[in-house]
C-alpha atoms as a PDB file:
ATOM      1  CA  MET A   1     106.770 115.800  94.434  1.00  0.00           C
ATOM      2  CA  LEU A   2     106.771 113.552  97.757  1.00  0.00           C
ATOM      3  CA  ARG A   3     103.962 111.059  97.933  1.00  0.00           C
ATOM      4  CA  ILE A   4     102.900 109.433 101.315  1.00  0.00           C
ATOM      5  CA  ALA A   5     100.284 107.275 101.948  1.00  0.00           C
ATOM      6  CA  LEU A   6      99.270 107.238 105.308  1.00  0.00           C
ATOM      7  CA  CYS A   7      97.036 103.994 106.875  1.00  0.00           C
ATOM      8  CA  ASP A   8      95.454 103.995 110.007  1.00  0.00           C
ATOM      9  CA  ASP A   9      91.755 102.361 110.912  1.00  0.00           C
ATOM     10  CA  ASN A  10      91.590 104.831 114.012  1.00  0.00           C
ATOM     11  CA  ARG A  11      89.740 107.882 112.617  1.00  0.00           C
ATOM     12  CA  GLN A  12      91.541 110.264 115.489  1.00  0.00           C
ATOM     13  CA  GLN A  13      94.677 108.838 114.977  1.00  0.00           C
ATOM     14  CA  ARG A  14      94.688 109.071 111.351  1.00  0.00           C
ATOM     15  CA  GLY A  15      93.663 112.845 111.517  1.00  0.00           C
ATOM     16  CA  ALA A  16      96.362 113.634 114.207  1.00  0.00           C
ATOM     17  CA  THR A  17      99.240 111.684 111.994  1.00  0.00           C
ATOM     18  CA  GLY A  18      97.915 113.547 108.989  1.00  0.00           C
ATOM     19  CA  LYS A  19      98.148 116.907 110.213  1.00  0.00           C
ATOM     20  CA  LEU A  20     102.024 116.353 111.257  1.00  0.00           C
ATOM     21  CA  LEU A  21     102.440 115.037 107.723  1.00  0.00           C
ATOM     22  CA  LEU A  22     100.798 118.240 106.181  1.00  0.00           C
ATOM     23  CA  ASP A  23     103.369 120.323 108.817  1.00  0.00           C
ATOM     24  CA  TYR A  24     105.908 118.601 107.749  1.00  0.00           C
ATOM     25  CA  GLY A  25     105.430 119.396 104.262  1.00  0.00           C
ATOM     26  CA  ALA A  26     104.092 122.839 105.001  1.00  0.00           C
ATOM     27  CA  ALA A  27     107.891 123.186 106.683  1.00  0.00           C
ATOM     28  CA  ARG A  28     109.871 121.909 103.668  1.00  0.00           C
ATOM     29  CA  PRO A  29     107.896 123.515 100.743  1.00  0.00           C
ATOM     30  CA  HIS A  30     110.734 122.288  98.031  1.00  0.00           C
ATOM     31  CA  LEU A  31     109.622 118.816  98.527  1.00  0.00           C
ATOM     32  CA  ALA A  32     105.990 119.148  97.331  1.00  0.00           C
ATOM     33  CA  VAL A  33     104.481 116.782 100.037  1.00  0.00           C
ATOM     34  CA  LYS A  34     101.497 115.264  98.752  1.00  0.00           C
ATOM     35  CA  VAL A  35      99.371 112.941 101.714  1.00  0.00           C
ATOM     36  CA  SER A  36      97.044 110.195 100.380  1.00  0.00           C
ATOM     37  CA  VAL A  37      95.006 108.893 103.740  1.00  0.00           C
ATOM     38  CA  PHE A  38      93.822 105.381 103.914  1.00  0.00           C
ATOM     39  CA  SER A  39      91.732 103.321 106.679  1.00  0.00           C
ATOM     40  CA  SER A  40      92.605  99.908 105.430  1.00  0.00           C
ATOM     41  CA  GLY A  41      95.775  98.109 103.894  1.00  0.00           C
ATOM     42  CA  LEU A  42      93.584  97.015 100.984  1.00  0.00           C
ATOM     43  CA  GLU A  43      92.819 100.359 100.006  1.00  0.00           C
ATOM     44  CA  VAL A  44      96.538 101.197 100.056  1.00  0.00           C
ATOM     45  CA  LEU A  45      97.124  98.444  97.803  1.00  0.00           C
ATOM     46  CA  ALA A  46      94.486  99.227  95.547  1.00  0.00           C
ATOM     47  CA  ALA A  47      95.790 102.846  95.213  1.00  0.00           C
ATOM     48  CA  ALA A  48      99.409 102.137  94.811  1.00  0.00           C
ATOM     49  CA  GLU A  49      98.461  99.621  91.936  1.00  0.00           C
ATOM     50  CA  GLU A  50      96.079 102.163  90.169  1.00  0.00           C
ATOM     51  CA  ALA A  51      98.385 105.383  90.266  1.00  0.00           C
ATOM     52  CA  GLY A  52     101.748 103.823  91.024  1.00  0.00           C
ATOM     53  CA  ASP A  53     104.150 102.647  94.081  1.00  0.00           C
ATOM     54  CA  PHE A  54     104.070 105.778  96.647  1.00  0.00           C
ATOM     55  CA  ASP A  55     107.287 107.207  97.507  1.00  0.00           C
ATOM     56  CA  LEU A  56     106.808 106.908 101.533  1.00  0.00           C
ATOM     57  CA  TYR A  57     104.444 104.705 103.449  1.00  0.00           C
ATOM     58  CA  VAL A  58     103.469 105.350 107.430  1.00  0.00           C
ATOM     59  CA  LEU A  59     101.336 102.389 108.619  1.00  0.00           C
ATOM     60  CA  ASP A  60      99.517 101.672 111.790  1.00  0.00           C
ATOM     61  CA  VAL A  61     100.720  98.181 113.060  1.00  0.00           C
ATOM     62  CA  VAL A  62      97.522  96.888 114.521  1.00  0.00           C
ATOM     63  CA  MET A  63      94.626  97.011 111.771  1.00  0.00           C
ATOM     64  CA  PRO A  64      91.703  94.720 110.949  1.00  0.00           C
ATOM     65  CA  GLY A  65      91.781  92.634 108.151  1.00  0.00           C
ATOM     66  CA  LEU A  66      95.427  93.332 106.988  1.00  0.00           C
ATOM     67  CA  SER A  67      97.806  94.634 109.352  1.00  0.00           C
ATOM     68  CA  GLY A  68     100.087  96.919 108.931  1.00  0.00           C
ATOM     69  CA  ILE A  69     102.897  94.419 108.848  1.00  0.00           C
ATOM     70  CA  GLN A  70     101.216  92.344 106.522  1.00  0.00           C
ATOM     71  CA  LEU A  71     100.718  95.134 104.062  1.00  0.00           C
ATOM     72  CA  GLY A  72     104.139  95.792 103.888  1.00  0.00           C
ATOM     73  CA  MET A  73     105.018  92.271 103.216  1.00  0.00           C
ATOM     74  CA  ARG A  74     102.420  92.576 100.358  1.00  0.00           C
ATOM     75  CA  LEU A  75     104.145  95.918  99.303  1.00  0.00           C
ATOM     76  CA  ARG A  76     107.413  94.081  99.466  1.00  0.00           C
ATOM     77  CA  GLU A  77     105.946  91.221  97.549  1.00  0.00           C
ATOM     78  CA  VAL A  78     104.988  93.574  94.263  1.00  0.00           C
ATOM     79  CA  GLY A  79     108.250  95.255  93.980  1.00  0.00           C
ATOM     80  CA  SER A  80     108.384  98.220  96.222  1.00  0.00           C
ATOM     81  CA  ALA A  81     111.271  99.653  97.763  1.00  0.00           C
ATOM     82  CA  SER A  82     109.666 102.642  99.257  1.00  0.00           C
ATOM     83  CA  PRO A  83     110.735 103.327 103.082  1.00  0.00           C
ATOM     84  CA  ILE A  84     108.074 102.010 105.494  1.00  0.00           C
ATOM     85  CA  ILE A  85     107.587 103.902 108.953  1.00  0.00           C
ATOM     86  CA  TYR A  86     105.457 101.782 111.534  1.00  0.00           C
ATOM     87  CA  LEU A  87     103.131 103.454 114.181  1.00  0.00           C
ATOM     88  CA  THR A  88     101.788 101.706 116.883  1.00  0.00           C
ATOM     89  CA  VAL A  89     101.158 101.652 120.907  1.00  0.00           C
ATOM     90  CA  SER A  90     103.490  98.706 121.759  1.00  0.00           C
ATOM     91  CA  PRO A  91     107.081  97.741 120.725  1.00  0.00           C
ATOM     92  CA  GLU A  92     106.016  94.119 120.803  1.00  0.00           C
ATOM     93  CA  TYR A  93     105.701  94.073 116.701  1.00  0.00           C
ATOM     94  CA  ALA A  94     108.916  95.643 116.204  1.00  0.00           C
ATOM     95  CA  VAL A  95     110.739  92.253 115.086  1.00  0.00           C
ATOM     96  CA  ASP A  96     108.082  91.253 113.096  1.00  0.00           C
ATOM     97  CA  SER A  97     108.340  94.275 111.019  1.00  0.00           C
ATOM     98  CA  TYR A  98     111.779  93.545 110.091  1.00  0.00           C
ATOM     99  CA  ALA A  99     110.503  90.804 107.328  1.00  0.00           C
ATOM    100  CA  THR A 100     109.259  93.823 105.410  1.00  0.00           C
ATOM    101  CA  ARG A 101     112.631  96.089 105.822  1.00  0.00           C
ATOM    102  CA  ALA A 102     110.766  98.967 108.129  1.00  0.00           C
ATOM    103  CA  PHE A 103     112.821 102.116 107.868  1.00  0.00           C
ATOM    104  CA  HIS A 104     111.656 103.216 111.266  1.00  0.00           C
ATOM    105  CA  TYR A 105     109.342 102.327 114.224  1.00  0.00           C
ATOM    106  CA  LEU A 106     107.402 105.236 116.139  1.00  0.00           C
ATOM    107  CA  MET A 107     105.271 104.887 119.297  1.00  0.00           C
ATOM    108  CA  LYS A 108     102.170 106.656 119.618  1.00  0.00           C
ATOM    109  CA  PRO A 109     101.183 109.170 120.201  1.00  0.00           C
ATOM    110  CA  VAL A 110     103.312 110.451 117.544  1.00  0.00           C
ATOM    111  CA  ASP A 111     105.792 113.122 118.808  1.00  0.00           C
ATOM    112  CA  ARG A 112     106.234 115.991 115.900  1.00  0.00           C
ATOM    113  CA  GLU A 113     110.503 116.522 116.513  1.00  0.00           C
ATOM    114  CA  LYS A 114     110.698 112.742 116.271  1.00  0.00           C
ATOM    115  CA  LEU A 115     108.599 112.557 113.009  1.00  0.00           C
ATOM    116  CA  PHE A 116     110.447 115.410 111.317  1.00  0.00           C
ATOM    117  CA  THR A 117     113.457 114.062 111.976  1.00  0.00           C
ATOM    118  CA  VAL A 118     112.435 110.420 110.822  1.00  0.00           C
ATOM    119  CA  LEU A 119     111.194 111.790 107.463  1.00  0.00           C
ATOM    120  CA  ASP A 120     114.178 113.818 106.905  1.00  0.00           C
ATOM    121  CA  ARG A 121     116.276 110.557 107.316  1.00  0.00           C
ATOM    122  CA  ALA A 122     113.813 108.743 104.692  1.00  0.00           C
ATOM    123  CA  VAL A 123     113.981 111.850 102.371  1.00  0.00           C
ATOM    124  CA  GLU A 124     117.384 111.543 102.536  1.00  0.00           C
ATOM    125  CA  LYS A 125     117.136 107.856 101.777  1.00  0.00           C
ATOM    126  CA  LEU A 126     115.396 108.773  98.755  1.00  0.00           C
ATOM    127  CA  ARG A 127     117.640 110.826  97.453  1.00  0.00           C
ATOM    128  CA  LYS A 128     120.517 108.131  97.763  1.00  0.00           C
ATOM    129  CA  ASN A 129     118.238 105.907  95.983  1.00  0.00           C
ATOM    130  CA  GLU A 130     118.304 107.753  92.575  1.00  0.00           C
ATOM    131  CA  ARG A 131     121.676 107.105  91.826  1.00  0.00           C
ATOM    132  CA  ALA A 132     122.692 104.328  89.604  1.00  0.00           C
ATOM    133  CA  LEU A 133     125.214 102.427  87.642  1.00  0.00           C
ATOM    134  CA  THR A 134     125.613 102.730  83.992  1.00  0.00           C
ATOM    135  CA  LEU A 135     126.350  99.588  82.150  1.00  0.00           C
ATOM    136  CA  GLU A 136     127.519  99.259  78.898  1.00  0.00           C
ATOM    137  CA  LEU A 137     126.586  96.513  77.019  1.00  0.00           C
ATOM    138  CA  PRO A 138     126.345  95.637  73.421  1.00  0.00           C
ATOM    139  CA  GLY A 139     124.676  98.047  71.298  1.00  0.00           C
ATOM    140  CA  GLU A 140     123.194  99.744  74.331  1.00  0.00           C
ATOM    141  CA  LEU A 141     123.697 101.584  77.839  1.00  0.00           C
ATOM    142  CA  VAL A 142     121.842 100.535  80.658  1.00  0.00           C
ATOM    143  CA  ARG A 143     121.320 102.779  83.866  1.00  0.00           C
ATOM    144  CA  VAL A 144     120.320 100.618  86.997  1.00  0.00           C
ATOM    145  CA  PRO A 145     119.258 102.210  90.137  1.00  0.00           C
ATOM    146  CA  LEU A 146     121.559 101.279  93.364  1.00  0.00           C
ATOM    147  CA  TYR A 147     118.459 100.489  95.261  1.00  0.00           C
ATOM    148  CA  GLU A 148     117.448  97.487  92.658  1.00  0.00           C
ATOM    149  CA  ILE A 149     120.736  96.031  92.800  1.00  0.00           C
ATOM    150  CA  ARG A 150     120.544  92.691  95.357  1.00  0.00           C
ATOM    151  CA  CYS A 151     124.371  91.908  94.169  1.00  0.00           C
ATOM    152  CA  LEU A 152     127.298  92.137  92.149  1.00  0.00           C
ATOM    153  CA  GLU A 153     128.995  88.858  91.214  1.00  0.00           C
ATOM    154  CA  VAL A 154     132.291  87.953  89.997  1.00  0.00           C
ATOM    155  CA  ARG A 155     132.294  85.048  87.145  1.00  0.00           C
ATOM    156  CA  GLN A 156     135.678  84.323  85.632  1.00  0.00           C
ATOM    157  CA  ASN A 157     136.609  87.892  84.149  1.00  0.00           C
ATOM    158  CA  TYR A 158     132.722  89.130  83.987  1.00  0.00           C
ATOM    159  CA  VAL A 159     130.560  90.935  86.489  1.00  0.00           C
ATOM    160  CA  THR A 160     127.047  89.691  86.762  1.00  0.00           C
ATOM    161  CA  VAL A 161     124.690  92.594  88.270  1.00  0.00           C
ATOM    162  CA  HIS A 162     121.689  91.012  89.955  1.00  0.00           C
ATOM    163  CA  ALA A 163     118.687  93.437  89.840  1.00  0.00           C
ATOM    164  CA  LYS A 164     115.402  93.480  88.246  1.00  0.00           C
ATOM    165  CA  GLU A 165     117.277  91.657  85.681  1.00  0.00           C
ATOM    166  CA  ASP A 166     120.728  90.352  85.239  1.00  0.00           C
ATOM    167  CA  TYR A 167     123.603  92.089  83.531  1.00  0.00           C
ATOM    168  CA  THR A 168     126.868  90.821  82.811  1.00  0.00           C
ATOM    169  CA  VAL A 169     129.911  93.008  81.809  1.00  0.00           C
ATOM    170  CA  LYS A 170     133.665  92.773  81.332  1.00  0.00           C
ATOM    171  CA  LYS A 171     134.756  94.989  84.433  1.00  0.00           C
ATOM    172  CA  PRO A 172     136.606  94.227  87.561  1.00  0.00           C
ATOM    173  CA  LEU A 173     134.600  94.385  90.850  1.00  0.00           C
ATOM    174  CA  GLY A 174     137.080  97.027  92.264  1.00  0.00           C
ATOM    175  CA  GLU A 175     135.770  99.352  89.865  1.00  0.00           C
ATOM    176  CA  PHE A 176     132.249  99.049  90.558  1.00  0.00           C
ATOM    177  CA  GLN A 177     132.783  99.011  94.317  1.00  0.00           C
ATOM    178  CA  ARG A 178     133.850 102.671  93.817  1.00  0.00           C
ATOM    179  CA  GLU A 179     130.792 103.436  92.227  1.00  0.00           C
ATOM    180  CA  LEU A 180     128.477 102.339  95.068  1.00  0.00           C
ATOM    181  CA  ASP A 181     127.803 103.623  98.245  1.00  0.00           C
ATOM    182  CA  GLU A 182     127.462 102.486 102.292  1.00  0.00           C
ATOM    183  CA  ARG A 183     124.359 100.429 101.330  1.00  0.00           C
ATOM    184  CA  PHE A 184     126.908  97.410  99.989  1.00  0.00           C
ATOM    185  CA  PHE A 185     129.353  95.129 101.659  1.00  0.00           C
ATOM    186  CA  ARG A 186     131.994  93.421  99.893  1.00  0.00           C
ATOM    187  CA  THR A 187     131.391  89.508 101.036  1.00  0.00           C
ATOM    188  CA  GLY A 188     135.024  88.321  99.606  1.00  0.00           C
ATOM    189  CA  ARG A 189     136.886  88.682  96.544  1.00  0.00           C
ATOM    190  CA  SER A 190     133.986  87.624  94.336  1.00  0.00           C
ATOM    191  CA  CYS A 191     130.911  89.657  95.424  1.00  0.00           C
ATOM    192  CA  ILE A 192     129.333  92.704  96.697  1.00  0.00           C
ATOM    193  CA  VAL A 193     125.848  92.270  98.370  1.00  0.00           C
ATOM    194  CA  ASN A 194     123.246  94.986  99.153  1.00  0.00           C
ATOM    195  CA  LEU A 195     122.600  94.921 102.738  1.00  0.00           C
ATOM    196  CA  ALA A 196     119.359  96.532 102.183  1.00  0.00           C
ATOM    197  CA  CYS A 197     118.718  92.713 100.290  1.00  0.00           C
ATOM    198  CA  VAL A 198     119.991  90.559 103.126  1.00  0.00           C
ATOM    199  CA  ARG A 199     117.594  88.121 104.661  1.00  0.00           C
ATOM    200  CA  ARG A 200     119.716  85.734 106.595  1.00  0.00           C
ATOM    201  CA  VAL A 201     123.545  85.517 107.353  1.00  0.00           C
ATOM    202  CA  THR A 202     125.452  82.331 108.369  1.00  0.00           C
ATOM    203  CA  ARG A 203     129.368  82.369 108.715  1.00  0.00           C
ATOM    204  CA  THR A 204     129.846  81.181 105.541  1.00  0.00           C
ATOM    205  CA  GLU A 205     126.945  82.458 103.421  1.00  0.00           C
ATOM    206  CA  VAL A 206     124.798  85.387 102.820  1.00  0.00           C
ATOM    207  CA  PHE A 207     120.869  84.828 101.447  1.00  0.00           C
ATOM    208  CA  LEU A 208     119.539  87.727  99.693  1.00  0.00           C
ATOM    209  CA  ASP A 209     115.952  88.432  98.393  1.00  0.00           C
ATOM    210  CA  GLY A 210     114.836  86.426  95.452  1.00  0.00           C
ATOM    211  CA  GLY A 211     116.702  83.455  96.523  1.00  0.00           C
ATOM    212  CA  LEU A 212     120.504  84.225  95.595  1.00  0.00           C
ATOM    213  CA  THR A 213     123.036  82.844  98.123  1.00  0.00           C
ATOM    214  CA  MET A 214     126.514  84.154  97.938  1.00  0.00           C
ATOM    215  CA  PRO A 215     129.455  82.948  99.811  1.00  0.00           C
ATOM    216  CA  LEU A 216     130.993  84.588 102.904  1.00  0.00           C
ATOM    217  CA  SER A 217     134.713  84.875 103.242  1.00  0.00           C
ATOM    218  CA  ARG A 218     136.112  83.645 106.589  1.00  0.00           C
ATOM    219  CA  GLY A 219     136.156  86.415 109.241  1.00  0.00           C
ATOM    220  CA  LEU A 220     133.582  88.675 107.783  1.00  0.00           C
ATOM    221  CA  TYR A 221     130.790  87.574 109.332  1.00  0.00           C
ATOM    222  CA  ASP A 222     130.756  89.987 112.660  1.00  0.00           C
ATOM    223  CA  ALA A 223     131.638  92.726 110.070  1.00  0.00           C
ATOM    224  CA  ILE A 224     128.600  92.160 107.886  1.00  0.00           C
ATOM    225  CA  ASN A 225     126.555  92.164 111.070  1.00  0.00           C
ATOM    226  CA  ARG A 226     127.992  95.156 112.348  1.00  0.00           C
ATOM    227  CA  ALA A 227     127.297  96.693 108.900  1.00  0.00           C
ATOM    228  CA  ILE A 228     123.648  95.364 109.095  1.00  0.00           C
ATOM    229  CA  ILE A 229     123.053  96.778 112.171  1.00  0.00           C
ATOM    230  CA  SER A 230     124.546 100.219 111.690  1.00  0.00           C
ATOM    231  CA  ARG A 231     121.817 100.506 109.078  1.00  0.00           C
ATOM    232  CA  SER A 232     118.701  99.635 110.665  1.00  0.00           C
END
């Protein structure tokens, strides 16, 4: 099932977008789309807390009380990695939405074909997020979803996987690299970062979610920026 949260304070626009989302579900019956409709950001937060994180968020940007950008930031703060699609009548908020790692930005009135294309891409992203690393630890195997991984860091002969928890295993970084996908970028001999978790890049360092800072090898500044842009 694909659980979508739609939030828009305008009843007419909420109804029109909701219909398009239901039409998408009818056109993709294998996804079993379920649309939950909200008129405020606080309603969305309450529902996500009670019933669990939604798979996908479709949020109006300009709303009273809690704006779509503020709502997105709150969702990220509580650990949601779900794609966020923003809807608005003005492109001026696009830069602000970067802080929420927005998946896409659509102008109102929402075009059916464009929305369906973006939704298909979001579903593909969710499918990829199901991939995971299996780590062999003393006495147990741990499966870590790729989307939870912020980076992998070499320390002597060991690699530490920084995710919701940190896991350290004895395994070459190159072997891990072969198990990862295009979300990840090798910043040098000792580190691989998840591009979705990058907050800021300088010519010598990469700053990640959660306060992690990793070294960036000389000559890779332009390459990592191209990789980030290609995924936006």
